[in-house]
N, C-alpha and C. Protein backbone atom coordinates (compact mmCIF):
# COMPACT_ATOMS: atom_id res chain seq x y z
N MET A 1 -19.62 24.64 120.24
CA MET A 1 -21.20 23.25 121.15
C MET A 1 -20.88 21.85 119.87
N LYS A 2 -21.12 20.98 120.74
CA LYS A 2 -21.59 19.83 120.07
C LYS A 2 -22.60 19.49 120.30
N LYS A 3 -23.44 18.38 119.69
CA LYS A 3 -24.39 17.86 120.32
C LYS A 3 -23.98 16.55 120.24
N CYS A 4 -25.04 15.55 121.29
CA CYS A 4 -24.65 13.97 121.81
C CYS A 4 -25.57 13.43 120.52
N PHE A 5 -25.18 12.52 119.49
CA PHE A 5 -25.93 11.79 118.82
C PHE A 5 -26.67 10.84 119.68
N LYS A 6 -26.95 10.13 120.83
CA LYS A 6 -27.65 9.63 121.46
C LYS A 6 -28.57 10.19 122.33
N CYS A 7 -28.30 11.23 123.01
CA CYS A 7 -29.10 11.95 123.92
C CYS A 7 -29.56 12.88 123.61
N GLU A 8 -29.09 13.46 122.26
CA GLU A 8 -29.24 15.24 121.55
C GLU A 8 -28.98 16.29 122.64
N ARG A 9 -27.99 16.03 124.14
CA ARG A 9 -27.73 16.86 124.61
C ARG A 9 -26.59 17.67 124.03
N GLU A 10 -26.52 19.28 124.13
CA GLU A 10 -25.53 19.88 124.03
C GLU A 10 -24.27 20.08 125.04
N PHE A 11 -23.49 20.21 124.39
CA PHE A 11 -21.81 20.58 125.40
C PHE A 11 -20.97 21.23 124.69
N ASP A 12 -20.07 21.44 125.82
CA ASP A 12 -18.80 22.32 125.06
C ASP A 12 -17.59 21.14 124.26
N ASP A 13 -16.50 21.97 123.50
CA ASP A 13 -16.09 21.53 122.73
C ASP A 13 -14.95 20.55 123.37
N ASP A 14 -14.67 20.68 124.32
CA ASP A 14 -13.53 20.25 125.43
C ASP A 14 -13.88 19.15 126.49
N VAL A 15 -14.82 18.83 126.33
CA VAL A 15 -15.69 17.61 127.02
C VAL A 15 -15.24 16.54 126.33
N GLN A 16 -14.88 15.48 126.99
CA GLN A 16 -14.41 14.35 126.33
C GLN A 16 -15.85 13.29 126.35
N PHE A 17 -16.82 13.35 127.53
CA PHE A 17 -17.69 12.66 127.65
C PHE A 17 -19.46 13.84 127.32
N CYS A 18 -20.21 13.09 126.94
CA CYS A 18 -21.47 13.53 127.33
C CYS A 18 -21.89 13.67 128.79
N PRO A 19 -22.36 14.95 129.35
CA PRO A 19 -23.03 14.96 130.44
C PRO A 19 -24.03 14.53 130.94
N GLY A 20 -24.66 14.11 129.49
CA GLY A 20 -26.00 13.22 129.53
C GLY A 20 -26.07 11.57 129.54
N CYS A 21 -25.44 10.96 129.01
CA CYS A 21 -25.50 9.88 128.72
C CYS A 21 -24.49 8.96 128.90
N GLY A 22 -23.04 10.18 128.80
CA GLY A 22 -21.62 9.43 129.18
C GLY A 22 -20.96 9.24 127.82
N THR A 23 -21.38 9.30 126.62
CA THR A 23 -21.24 8.48 125.14
C THR A 23 -19.37 9.50 124.84
N LYS A 24 -18.80 8.57 124.95
CA LYS A 24 -17.64 9.46 124.41
C LYS A 24 -17.47 10.21 123.47
N LEU A 25 -16.75 11.62 123.25
CA LEU A 25 -16.93 12.31 122.25
C LEU A 25 -16.28 11.70 120.96
N ASP A 26 -15.09 10.77 121.10
CA ASP A 26 -14.43 10.10 119.81
C ASP A 26 -15.81 9.57 118.67
N GLU A 27 -16.91 9.10 119.58
CA GLU A 27 -18.07 8.54 118.75
C GLU A 27 -18.78 10.01 118.36
N VAL A 28 -18.95 11.00 119.01
CA VAL A 28 -19.73 11.96 118.66
C VAL A 28 -19.14 12.67 117.44
N GLN A 29 -18.09 13.07 117.75
CA GLN A 29 -16.92 13.27 116.40
C GLN A 29 -17.47 12.60 114.99
N SER A 30 -17.45 11.27 115.46
CA SER A 30 -17.80 10.61 114.16
C SER A 30 -18.85 10.46 113.51
N VAL A 31 -19.62 10.52 114.18
CA VAL A 31 -21.19 10.65 113.98
C VAL A 31 -21.42 11.87 113.14
N GLN A 32 -20.97 13.03 113.68
CA GLN A 32 -21.08 14.12 113.38
C GLN A 32 -20.18 14.36 112.25
N ALA A 33 -19.50 13.77 111.75
CA ALA A 33 -18.88 13.67 110.55
C ALA A 33 -19.62 13.10 109.30
N LEU A 34 -20.06 12.00 109.75
CA LEU A 34 -21.15 11.33 109.02
C LEU A 34 -22.18 11.79 108.51
N GLU A 35 -22.80 12.72 109.36
CA GLU A 35 -23.88 13.78 109.38
C GLU A 35 -23.49 14.98 108.49
N ILE A 36 -22.52 14.92 108.37
CA ILE A 36 -22.20 16.08 107.44
C ILE A 36 -21.72 15.62 106.08
N LYS A 37 -21.03 14.73 105.84
CA LYS A 37 -21.31 13.76 104.42
C LYS A 37 -22.23 13.68 104.03
N GLU A 38 -23.36 13.00 104.90
CA GLU A 38 -24.80 12.93 104.14
C GLU A 38 -25.54 14.33 104.07
N ASP A 39 -25.21 15.34 104.81
CA ASP A 39 -26.13 16.55 104.38
C ASP A 39 -25.18 17.15 102.90
N LYS A 40 -23.77 16.81 102.51
CA LYS A 40 -23.18 17.39 101.49
C LYS A 40 -24.05 16.28 100.10
N LYS A 41 -24.19 15.42 100.41
CA LYS A 41 -24.53 14.60 99.25
C LYS A 41 -26.33 14.88 99.19
N LYS A 42 -26.80 15.27 100.45
CA LYS A 42 -27.96 15.75 99.73
C LYS A 42 -28.10 17.11 99.57
N ASN A 43 -27.10 18.09 99.60
CA ASN A 43 -27.50 19.25 99.29
C ASN A 43 -26.55 19.65 97.78
N THR A 44 -26.72 18.71 96.86
CA THR A 44 -25.91 18.84 95.60
C THR A 44 -26.61 19.54 94.76
N ASN A 45 -27.86 19.92 95.05
CA ASN A 45 -28.57 21.43 94.34
C ASN A 45 -28.10 22.50 94.49
N ASN A 46 -27.70 22.80 95.41
CA ASN A 46 -27.46 24.40 96.16
C ASN A 46 -26.51 25.02 95.15
N GLU A 47 -26.05 24.26 94.03
CA GLU A 47 -25.24 25.03 93.21
C GLU A 47 -26.12 26.15 92.38
N PRO A 48 -25.56 27.36 91.98
CA PRO A 48 -26.36 28.48 91.20
C PRO A 48 -26.92 28.01 89.83
N VAL A 49 -28.31 28.58 90.03
CA VAL A 49 -28.64 28.26 88.54
C VAL A 49 -28.21 29.07 87.50
N SER A 50 -28.32 28.43 86.50
CA SER A 50 -27.19 28.98 85.19
C SER A 50 -28.09 29.78 84.52
N VAL A 51 -27.68 30.51 83.60
CA VAL A 51 -28.71 31.43 82.63
C VAL A 51 -28.95 30.51 81.97
N GLY A 52 -29.09 29.81 81.15
CA GLY A 52 -29.74 28.64 80.36
C GLY A 52 -31.36 28.25 80.98
N GLU A 53 -30.92 27.82 82.30
CA GLU A 53 -31.97 27.11 82.99
C GLU A 53 -33.13 28.47 83.29
N TRP A 54 -32.78 29.75 83.66
CA TRP A 54 -33.68 30.99 83.66
C TRP A 54 -34.14 31.53 82.36
N LEU A 55 -33.63 31.16 81.26
CA LEU A 55 -34.25 30.96 79.82
C LEU A 55 -34.89 30.55 79.70
N VAL A 56 -35.74 29.72 80.74
CA VAL A 56 -36.94 28.75 80.27
C VAL A 56 -38.08 29.33 80.52
N MET A 57 -38.16 31.30 81.20
CA MET A 57 -38.85 31.38 81.59
C MET A 57 -39.25 32.22 80.40
N LEU A 58 -38.57 32.07 79.22
CA LEU A 58 -38.97 33.15 78.08
C LEU A 58 -40.25 32.38 77.32
N VAL A 59 -40.33 31.19 77.58
CA VAL A 59 -41.80 30.67 77.23
C VAL A 59 -42.93 31.05 77.41
N ASN A 60 -42.69 32.18 78.53
CA ASN A 60 -44.14 33.34 78.95
C ASN A 60 -44.46 33.87 77.72
N ILE A 61 -43.60 34.47 76.66
CA ILE A 61 -43.85 35.37 75.94
C ILE A 61 -44.48 34.59 74.69
N ILE A 62 -44.70 33.20 74.40
CA ILE A 62 -45.26 32.61 73.47
C ILE A 62 -46.95 33.04 73.54
N PRO A 63 -47.04 33.23 72.52
CA PRO A 63 -49.01 34.47 72.45
C PRO A 63 -49.71 32.82 73.02
N PHE A 64 -50.66 33.06 73.47
CA PHE A 64 -51.79 32.23 74.09
C PHE A 64 -51.29 30.59 74.83
N ILE A 65 -50.35 29.55 74.32
CA ILE A 65 -49.95 28.29 75.45
C ILE A 65 -49.24 29.09 76.43
N GLY A 66 -48.56 29.79 76.22
CA GLY A 66 -47.00 30.32 76.47
C GLY A 66 -47.36 30.30 78.22
N GLN A 67 -48.66 31.10 78.47
CA GLN A 67 -48.94 31.14 79.95
C GLN A 67 -48.86 30.08 80.77
N LEU A 68 -49.57 29.11 80.02
CA LEU A 68 -50.13 28.01 80.10
C LEU A 68 -48.86 26.98 80.55
N ILE A 69 -48.13 26.97 79.43
CA ILE A 69 -46.88 26.45 79.79
C ILE A 69 -46.19 26.66 80.80
N TYR A 70 -46.03 28.12 80.92
CA TYR A 70 -45.12 28.84 82.11
C TYR A 70 -45.38 28.36 83.78
N PHE A 71 -46.91 28.18 83.57
CA PHE A 71 -47.72 27.78 84.97
C PHE A 71 -47.11 26.32 85.17
N VAL A 72 -47.59 25.58 84.51
CA VAL A 72 -46.96 24.33 84.61
C VAL A 72 -45.24 24.30 85.02
N ILE A 73 -44.53 24.71 84.47
CA ILE A 73 -43.44 24.95 84.82
C ILE A 73 -43.15 25.38 86.06
N MET A 74 -43.99 26.15 86.57
CA MET A 74 -43.60 27.20 87.80
C MET A 74 -44.31 25.76 89.11
N LEU A 75 -44.90 25.08 88.56
CA LEU A 75 -45.83 24.15 89.84
C LEU A 75 -44.68 23.24 89.53
N VAL A 76 -44.15 22.66 88.71
CA VAL A 76 -43.01 21.28 88.67
C VAL A 76 -42.18 22.32 89.39
N TRP A 77 -41.53 23.46 89.33
CA TRP A 77 -40.69 24.08 90.00
C TRP A 77 -40.60 23.96 91.46
N ALA A 78 -42.00 24.39 92.03
CA ALA A 78 -42.44 24.74 93.40
C ALA A 78 -42.62 23.04 94.03
N PHE A 79 -42.67 22.08 93.05
CA PHE A 79 -43.24 20.65 94.38
C PHE A 79 -42.44 19.48 93.97
N SER A 80 -41.47 19.77 93.19
CA SER A 80 -40.64 18.48 92.81
C SER A 80 -39.58 18.74 93.84
N ASP A 81 -39.13 17.25 94.43
CA ASP A 81 -37.86 17.41 95.46
C ASP A 81 -36.59 17.50 94.61
N ASN A 82 -36.19 17.48 93.65
CA ASN A 82 -35.02 17.92 92.90
C ASN A 82 -34.47 18.74 92.18
N ILE A 83 -35.24 19.88 92.62
CA ILE A 83 -35.10 21.37 92.03
C ILE A 83 -34.17 22.23 92.68
N LYS A 84 -33.70 22.75 92.44
CA LYS A 84 -32.47 23.50 93.35
C LYS A 84 -33.34 24.96 93.90
N PRO A 85 -32.61 25.25 95.58
CA PRO A 85 -33.93 25.75 96.11
C PRO A 85 -33.76 27.23 95.77
N SER A 86 -33.17 28.03 94.93
CA SER A 86 -33.41 29.13 94.60
C SER A 86 -34.72 28.86 93.72
N LYS A 87 -34.79 27.89 92.70
CA LYS A 87 -35.67 27.95 91.81
C LYS A 87 -37.25 27.51 92.70
N LYS A 88 -36.67 26.51 93.32
CA LYS A 88 -38.24 25.98 94.25
C LYS A 88 -39.09 27.53 94.73
N THR A 89 -38.21 28.17 95.45
CA THR A 89 -38.62 29.66 96.13
C THR A 89 -39.27 30.33 95.14
N PHE A 90 -38.46 30.27 94.08
CA PHE A 90 -38.81 31.54 93.11
C PHE A 90 -40.37 30.95 92.45
N ALA A 91 -40.39 29.71 92.35
CA ALA A 91 -41.70 29.26 91.54
C ALA A 91 -43.00 29.39 92.86
N LYS A 92 -42.56 29.24 94.12
CA LYS A 92 -43.41 29.21 94.76
C LYS A 92 -44.24 30.67 95.16
N ALA A 93 -43.13 31.64 94.99
CA ALA A 93 -43.26 33.18 94.87
C ALA A 93 -44.31 33.84 93.73
N THR A 94 -43.86 33.10 92.84
CA THR A 94 -44.84 33.26 91.44
C THR A 94 -46.17 32.78 91.79
N LEU A 95 -46.40 31.38 92.05
CA LEU A 95 -47.52 30.90 92.53
C LEU A 95 -48.59 31.44 93.27
N ILE A 96 -48.04 32.18 94.28
CA ILE A 96 -48.87 32.54 95.25
C ILE A 96 -48.86 34.30 94.96
N ILE A 97 -48.27 34.51 93.83
CA ILE A 97 -48.36 35.81 92.94
C ILE A 97 -49.89 35.64 92.05
N TYR A 98 -49.75 34.63 91.67
CA TYR A 98 -50.77 33.99 90.25
C TYR A 98 -52.24 34.00 91.26
N ALA A 99 -51.99 33.23 92.59
CA ALA A 99 -53.40 33.19 93.08
C ALA A 99 -53.82 34.26 93.68
N ILE A 100 -53.03 35.09 94.03
CA ILE A 100 -53.45 36.82 94.57
C ILE A 100 -54.11 37.27 93.56
N SER A 101 -53.68 37.29 92.35
CA SER A 101 -54.11 37.89 90.84
C SER A 101 -55.46 37.23 90.55
N VAL A 102 -55.80 35.97 90.47
CA VAL A 102 -56.97 35.32 90.29
C VAL A 102 -57.48 35.89 91.46
N ALA A 103 -57.50 35.84 92.99
CA ALA A 103 -58.61 36.37 93.37
C ALA A 103 -58.97 37.98 93.12
N ILE A 104 -57.85 38.52 93.14
CA ILE A 104 -58.44 39.56 92.78
C ILE A 104 -59.25 40.02 91.66
N LEU A 105 -59.23 39.08 90.68
CA LEU A 105 -59.97 39.16 89.26
C LEU A 105 -61.20 38.80 89.55
N ILE A 106 -61.19 37.82 90.22
CA ILE A 106 -62.95 37.32 90.81
C ILE A 106 -63.56 38.09 91.75
N ALA A 107 -62.77 38.63 92.80
CA ALA A 107 -63.37 39.94 93.00
C ALA A 107 -63.77 41.16 92.62
N ALA A 108 -63.30 41.65 91.23
CA ALA A 108 -63.69 42.39 90.32
C ALA A 108 -64.69 41.91 89.53
N PHE A 109 -64.71 40.97 89.08
CA PHE A 109 -65.58 40.53 88.29
C PHE A 109 -67.13 40.12 89.26
N PHE A 110 -67.20 40.02 90.28
CA PHE A 110 -68.44 39.82 91.02
C PHE A 110 -68.62 41.26 91.34
N LEU A 111 -67.93 42.30 92.12
CA LEU A 111 -68.53 43.86 92.15
C LEU A 111 -68.75 44.37 90.67
N ILE A 112 -68.47 44.10 89.62
CA ILE A 112 -69.02 44.64 88.09
C ILE A 112 -70.32 44.21 88.14
N PHE A 113 -70.21 42.48 88.28
CA PHE A 113 -71.52 41.95 88.03
C PHE A 113 -72.84 42.17 88.91
N ILE A 114 -72.46 42.49 90.23
CA ILE A 114 -73.37 43.09 91.38
C ILE A 114 -73.67 44.34 90.69
N GLY A 115 -72.65 45.14 90.67
CA GLY A 115 -72.89 46.54 90.19
C GLY A 115 -74.28 46.75 88.95
N GLY A 116 -73.42 46.31 87.72
CA GLY A 116 -74.05 46.06 86.48
C GLY A 116 -75.60 45.61 86.77
N ILE A 117 -76.05 44.69 87.79
CA ILE A 117 -77.50 44.52 88.48
C ILE A 117 -78.12 45.06 88.88
N GLY A 118 -77.18 45.95 90.01
CA GLY A 118 -77.96 47.01 90.37
C GLY A 118 -78.20 48.16 89.68
N LEU A 119 -77.70 48.64 88.59
CA LEU A 119 -77.92 49.30 87.70
C LEU A 119 -79.12 49.29 86.71
N SER A 120 -79.04 47.93 86.32
CA SER A 120 -80.00 47.85 85.60
C SER A 120 -81.34 47.56 86.30
N LEU A 121 -81.46 47.21 87.50
CA LEU A 121 -82.30 47.38 88.17
C LEU A 121 -83.25 48.76 88.75
N LEU A 122 -82.15 49.89 88.70
CA LEU A 122 -82.10 51.26 89.08
C LEU A 122 -83.13 51.73 87.76
N TYR A 123 -82.51 51.56 86.67
CA TYR A 123 -83.16 51.89 85.71
C TYR A 123 -84.21 51.62 84.91
N TRP A 124 -84.55 50.13 85.06
CA TRP A 124 -85.36 49.61 84.94
C TRP A 124 -86.87 50.09 85.14
């Protein structure tokens, strides 16, 4: 199935003219070829991530400051435009896990805090 670039109607491969607007098939093919070239230019970041790029994750083991640097790297990877898709997806997933962890920690803190107040009032 091919798609007309003018009316965006789909049609069979053997049709010479678009059934919707009458555009000649040759014009459709040339536009589709240009779109494919543009897509290839846009998708230059689709090559695999190298081992060296993944080794950046080792910054996580640096005491104290490593977690902060790792978090900043994940923010950059998740929200930059020129990052490889696999790195971008991994960074977004990591940030979601961070958000869930922080929410669980906050909930646990409040439960412990409220429980502590309740116990102190019980024994006071």
